[in-house]
Amino acid sequence: MAAAIARTIGPKSPVGAMQHVSFACGPKRHAEMLERVKAHGVKIIAGPLLIIPPAIYSFYFFDPNGIRLEIVTDRNGPEEDFALVRSCVMSEAEMRAQLRSIGGEAAWIDDMIAAQAR
């Protein structure tokens, strides 16, 4: 039922109002994942698309539970996986402002900043 709903209500999924889950990987892995998803008969619903010029590309599909998934890469970036996409990294001041905007207390914000890979 949830899968049917997720596919019919538009850009937002009903699961906690989550739009999608995104996974970042290197350019080679991105191409491999696209081929693997297609080889398993999964319908690509969008992409690969240039989402942030000049080189951030994504493709999207639904998992078996109807959750929209995104695989994203920086085609000009390193081949290593699990890095933050460089063009999406905020300065410490920007991160602090964003975390304060959701009601974060100072100690929690400090912990979140310390946990960020730099």
C-alpha atoms as a PDB file:
ATOM      1  CA  MET A   1       0.000   0.000   0.000  1.00  0.00           C
ATOM      2  CA  ALA A   2       2.699   2.512   0.997  1.00  0.00           C
ATOM      3  CA  ALA A   3       4.579   1.822  -2.231  1.00  0.00           C
ATOM      4  CA  ALA A   4       1.483   2.604  -4.285  1.00  0.00           C
ATOM      5  CA  ILE A   5       0.887   5.802  -2.344  1.00  0.00           C
ATOM      6  CA  ALA A   6       4.528   6.898  -2.651  1.00  0.00           C
ATOM      7  CA  ARG A   7       4.314   6.610  -6.402  1.00  0.00           C
ATOM      8  CA  THR A   8       1.089   8.558  -6.770  1.00  0.00           C
ATOM      9  CA  ILE A   9       1.307  11.569  -4.462  1.00  0.00           C
ATOM     10  CA  GLY A  10       3.980  13.471  -6.342  1.00  0.00           C
ATOM     11  CA  PRO A  11       7.364  14.754  -5.243  1.00  0.00           C
ATOM     12  CA  LYS A  12       7.063  13.838  -1.534  1.00  0.00           C
ATOM     13  CA  SER A  13       6.866  10.353  -0.080  1.00  0.00           C
ATOM     14  CA  PRO A  14       4.388   9.644   2.730  1.00  0.00           C
ATOM     15  CA  VAL A  15       7.142   8.213   4.950  1.00  0.00           C
ATOM     16  CA  GLY A  16       7.651  11.039   7.454  1.00  0.00           C
ATOM     17  CA  ALA A  17       7.318  13.571   4.618  1.00  0.00           C
ATOM     18  CA  MET A  18      10.706  12.395   3.392  1.00  0.00           C
ATOM     19  CA  GLN A  19      11.347  13.257  -0.238  1.00  0.00           C
ATOM     20  CA  HIS A  20      14.169  10.780  -0.910  1.00  0.00           C
ATOM     21  CA  VAL A  21      17.342   9.131   0.377  1.00  0.00           C
ATOM     22  CA  SER A  22      20.587  10.037  -1.359  1.00  0.00           C
ATOM     23  CA  PHE A  23      23.842   8.100  -1.640  1.00  0.00           C
ATOM     24  CA  ALA A  24      27.045   9.818  -2.806  1.00  0.00           C
ATOM     25  CA  CYS A  25      29.754   7.884  -4.607  1.00  0.00           C
ATOM     26  CA  GLY A  26      32.695   8.373  -6.943  1.00  0.00           C
ATOM     27  CA  PRO A  27      32.176   8.739 -10.712  1.00  0.00           C
ATOM     28  CA  LYS A  28      33.176   5.152 -11.557  1.00  0.00           C
ATOM     29  CA  ARG A  29      30.878   3.691  -8.875  1.00  0.00           C
ATOM     30  CA  HIS A  30      28.046   5.967 -10.066  1.00  0.00           C
ATOM     31  CA  ALA A  31      28.255   4.501 -13.581  1.00  0.00           C
ATOM     32  CA  GLU A  32      28.488   0.958 -12.146  1.00  0.00           C
ATOM     33  CA  MET A  33      25.437   1.533  -9.918  1.00  0.00           C
ATOM     34  CA  LEU A  34      23.403   2.884 -12.837  1.00  0.00           C
ATOM     35  CA  GLU A  35      24.160  -0.235 -14.882  1.00  0.00           C
ATOM     36  CA  ARG A  36      23.512  -2.549 -11.914  1.00  0.00           C
ATOM     37  CA  VAL A  37      20.131  -0.983 -11.155  1.00  0.00           C
ATOM     38  CA  LYS A  38      19.126  -1.207 -14.841  1.00  0.00           C
ATOM     39  CA  ALA A  39      20.386  -4.821 -15.087  1.00  0.00           C
ATOM     40  CA  HIS A  40      18.042  -5.773 -12.257  1.00  0.00           C
ATOM     41  CA  GLY A  41      15.073  -4.357 -14.139  1.00  0.00           C
ATOM     42  CA  VAL A  42      14.591  -1.341 -11.887  1.00  0.00           C
ATOM     43  CA  LYS A  43      13.014   1.613 -13.672  1.00  0.00           C
ATOM     44  CA  ILE A  44      15.119   4.780 -13.574  1.00  0.00           C
ATOM     45  CA  ILE A  45      12.590   7.564 -12.958  1.00  0.00           C
ATOM     46  CA  ALA A  46      15.004  10.420 -13.718  1.00  0.00           C
ATOM     47  CA  GLY A  47      18.562  10.837 -14.864  1.00  0.00           C
ATOM     48  CA  PRO A  48      21.354  10.806 -15.010  1.00  0.00           C
ATOM     49  CA  LEU A  49      20.730  14.534 -14.652  1.00  0.00           C
ATOM     50  CA  LEU A  50      23.101  17.446 -14.157  1.00  0.00           C
ATOM     51  CA  ILE A  51      21.716  18.752 -10.865  1.00  0.00           C
ATOM     52  CA  ILE A  52      24.460  21.161  -9.794  1.00  0.00           C
ATOM     53  CA  PRO A  53      26.691  22.532 -12.559  1.00  0.00           C
ATOM     54  CA  PRO A  54      29.286  21.895 -13.642  1.00  0.00           C
ATOM     55  CA  ALA A  55      29.598  18.235 -12.620  1.00  0.00           C
ATOM     56  CA  ILE A  56      27.115  16.969  -9.978  1.00  0.00           C
ATOM     57  CA  TYR A  57      24.967  14.235 -11.561  1.00  0.00           C
ATOM     58  CA  SER A  58      22.181  12.106 -10.072  1.00  0.00           C
ATOM     59  CA  PHE A  59      19.773   9.392 -11.054  1.00  0.00           C
ATOM     60  CA  TYR A  60      16.629   8.372  -9.193  1.00  0.00           C
ATOM     61  CA  PHE A  61      14.583   5.205  -8.736  1.00  0.00           C
ATOM     62  CA  PHE A  62      12.216   3.605  -6.209  1.00  0.00           C
ATOM     63  CA  ASP A  63      13.230   0.822  -3.839  1.00  0.00           C
ATOM     64  CA  PRO A  64      10.856  -2.142  -3.318  1.00  0.00           C
ATOM     65  CA  ASN A  65       9.107  -0.221  -0.496  1.00  0.00           C
ATOM     66  CA  GLY A  66       8.357   2.752  -2.724  1.00  0.00           C
ATOM     67  CA  ILE A  67      11.054   4.994  -1.238  1.00  0.00           C
ATOM     68  CA  ARG A  68      12.683   7.276  -3.806  1.00  0.00           C
ATOM     69  CA  LEU A  69      16.461   6.763  -3.915  1.00  0.00           C
ATOM     70  CA  GLU A  70      19.133   8.980  -5.462  1.00  0.00           C
ATOM     71  CA  ILE A  71      22.668   8.044  -6.453  1.00  0.00           C
ATOM     72  CA  VAL A  72      24.776  11.199  -6.841  1.00  0.00           C
ATOM     73  CA  THR A  73      28.334  11.869  -7.954  1.00  0.00           C
ATOM     74  CA  ASP A  74      30.731  14.698  -8.667  1.00  0.00           C
ATOM     75  CA  ARG A  75      32.111  13.777 -12.091  1.00  0.00           C
ATOM     76  CA  ASN A  76      35.067  16.087 -11.434  1.00  0.00           C
ATOM     77  CA  GLY A  77      35.621  14.625  -7.967  1.00  0.00           C
ATOM     78  CA  PRO A  78      37.759  11.821  -6.607  1.00  0.00           C
ATOM     79  CA  GLU A  79      36.904   8.154  -7.127  1.00  0.00           C
ATOM     80  CA  GLU A  80      36.656   7.534  -3.378  1.00  0.00           C
ATOM     81  CA  ASP A  81      33.170   6.963  -2.015  1.00  0.00           C
ATOM     82  CA  PHE A  82      31.478   8.389   1.076  1.00  0.00           C
ATOM     83  CA  ALA A  83      32.837  11.913   0.782  1.00  0.00           C
ATOM     84  CA  LEU A  84      30.662  14.989   0.958  1.00  0.00           C
ATOM     85  CA  VAL A  85      29.998  16.484  -2.435  1.00  0.00           C
ATOM     86  CA  ARG A  86      32.362  19.466  -2.444  1.00  0.00           C
ATOM     87  CA  SER A  87      29.881  21.952  -3.859  1.00  0.00           C
ATOM     88  CA  CYS A  88      27.422  21.068  -1.072  1.00  0.00           C
ATOM     89  CA  VAL A  89      29.820  21.533   1.853  1.00  0.00           C
ATOM     90  CA  MET A  90      28.920  24.465   4.101  1.00  0.00           C
ATOM     91  CA  SER A  91      31.331  26.650   5.991  1.00  0.00           C
ATOM     92  CA  GLU A  92      31.327  26.197   9.756  1.00  0.00           C
ATOM     93  CA  ALA A  93      29.399  29.472  10.152  1.00  0.00           C
ATOM     94  CA  GLU A  94      26.718  28.271   7.690  1.00  0.00           C
ATOM     95  CA  MET A  95      26.440  24.906   9.461  1.00  0.00           C
ATOM     96  CA  ARG A  96      26.062  26.582  12.843  1.00  0.00           C
ATOM     97  CA  ALA A  97      23.331  28.879  11.500  1.00  0.00           C
ATOM     98  CA  GLN A  98      21.452  25.931   9.946  1.00  0.00           C
ATOM     99  CA  LEU A  99      21.687  23.878  13.146  1.00  0.00           C
ATOM    100  CA  ARG A 100      20.522  26.826  15.267  1.00  0.00           C
ATOM    101  CA  SER A 101      17.542  27.237  12.930  1.00  0.00           C
ATOM    102  CA  ILE A 102      16.269  23.796  13.940  1.00  0.00           C
ATOM    103  CA  GLY A 103      16.594  24.547  17.633  1.00  0.00           C
ATOM    104  CA  GLY A 104      19.972  23.002  18.334  1.00  0.00           C
ATOM    105  CA  GLU A 105      21.570  23.790  21.672  1.00  0.00           C
ATOM    106  CA  ALA A 106      25.182  25.028  21.721  1.00  0.00           C
ATOM    107  CA  ALA A 107      26.732  21.775  23.025  1.00  0.00           C
ATOM    108  CA  TRP A 108      24.847  19.681  20.452  1.00  0.00           C
ATOM    109  CA  ILE A 109      25.862  22.069  17.651  1.00  0.00           C
ATOM    110  CA  ASP A 110      29.500  21.810  18.755  1.00  0.00           C
ATOM    111  CA  ASP A 111      29.242  18.000  18.635  1.00  0.00           C
ATOM    112  CA  MET A 112      27.710  18.081  15.136  1.00  0.00           C
ATOM    113  CA  ILE A 113      30.422  20.442  13.856  1.00  0.00           C
ATOM    114  CA  ALA A 114      33.170  18.266  15.355  1.00  0.00           C
ATOM    115  CA  ALA A 115      31.703  15.173  13.664  1.00  0.00           C
ATOM    116  CA  GLN A 116      31.871  16.693  10.160  1.00  0.00           C
ATOM    117  CA  ALA A 117      34.701  15.483   7.947  1.00  0.00           C
ATOM    118  CA  ARG A 118      36.846  18.355   6.738  1.00  0.00           C
END
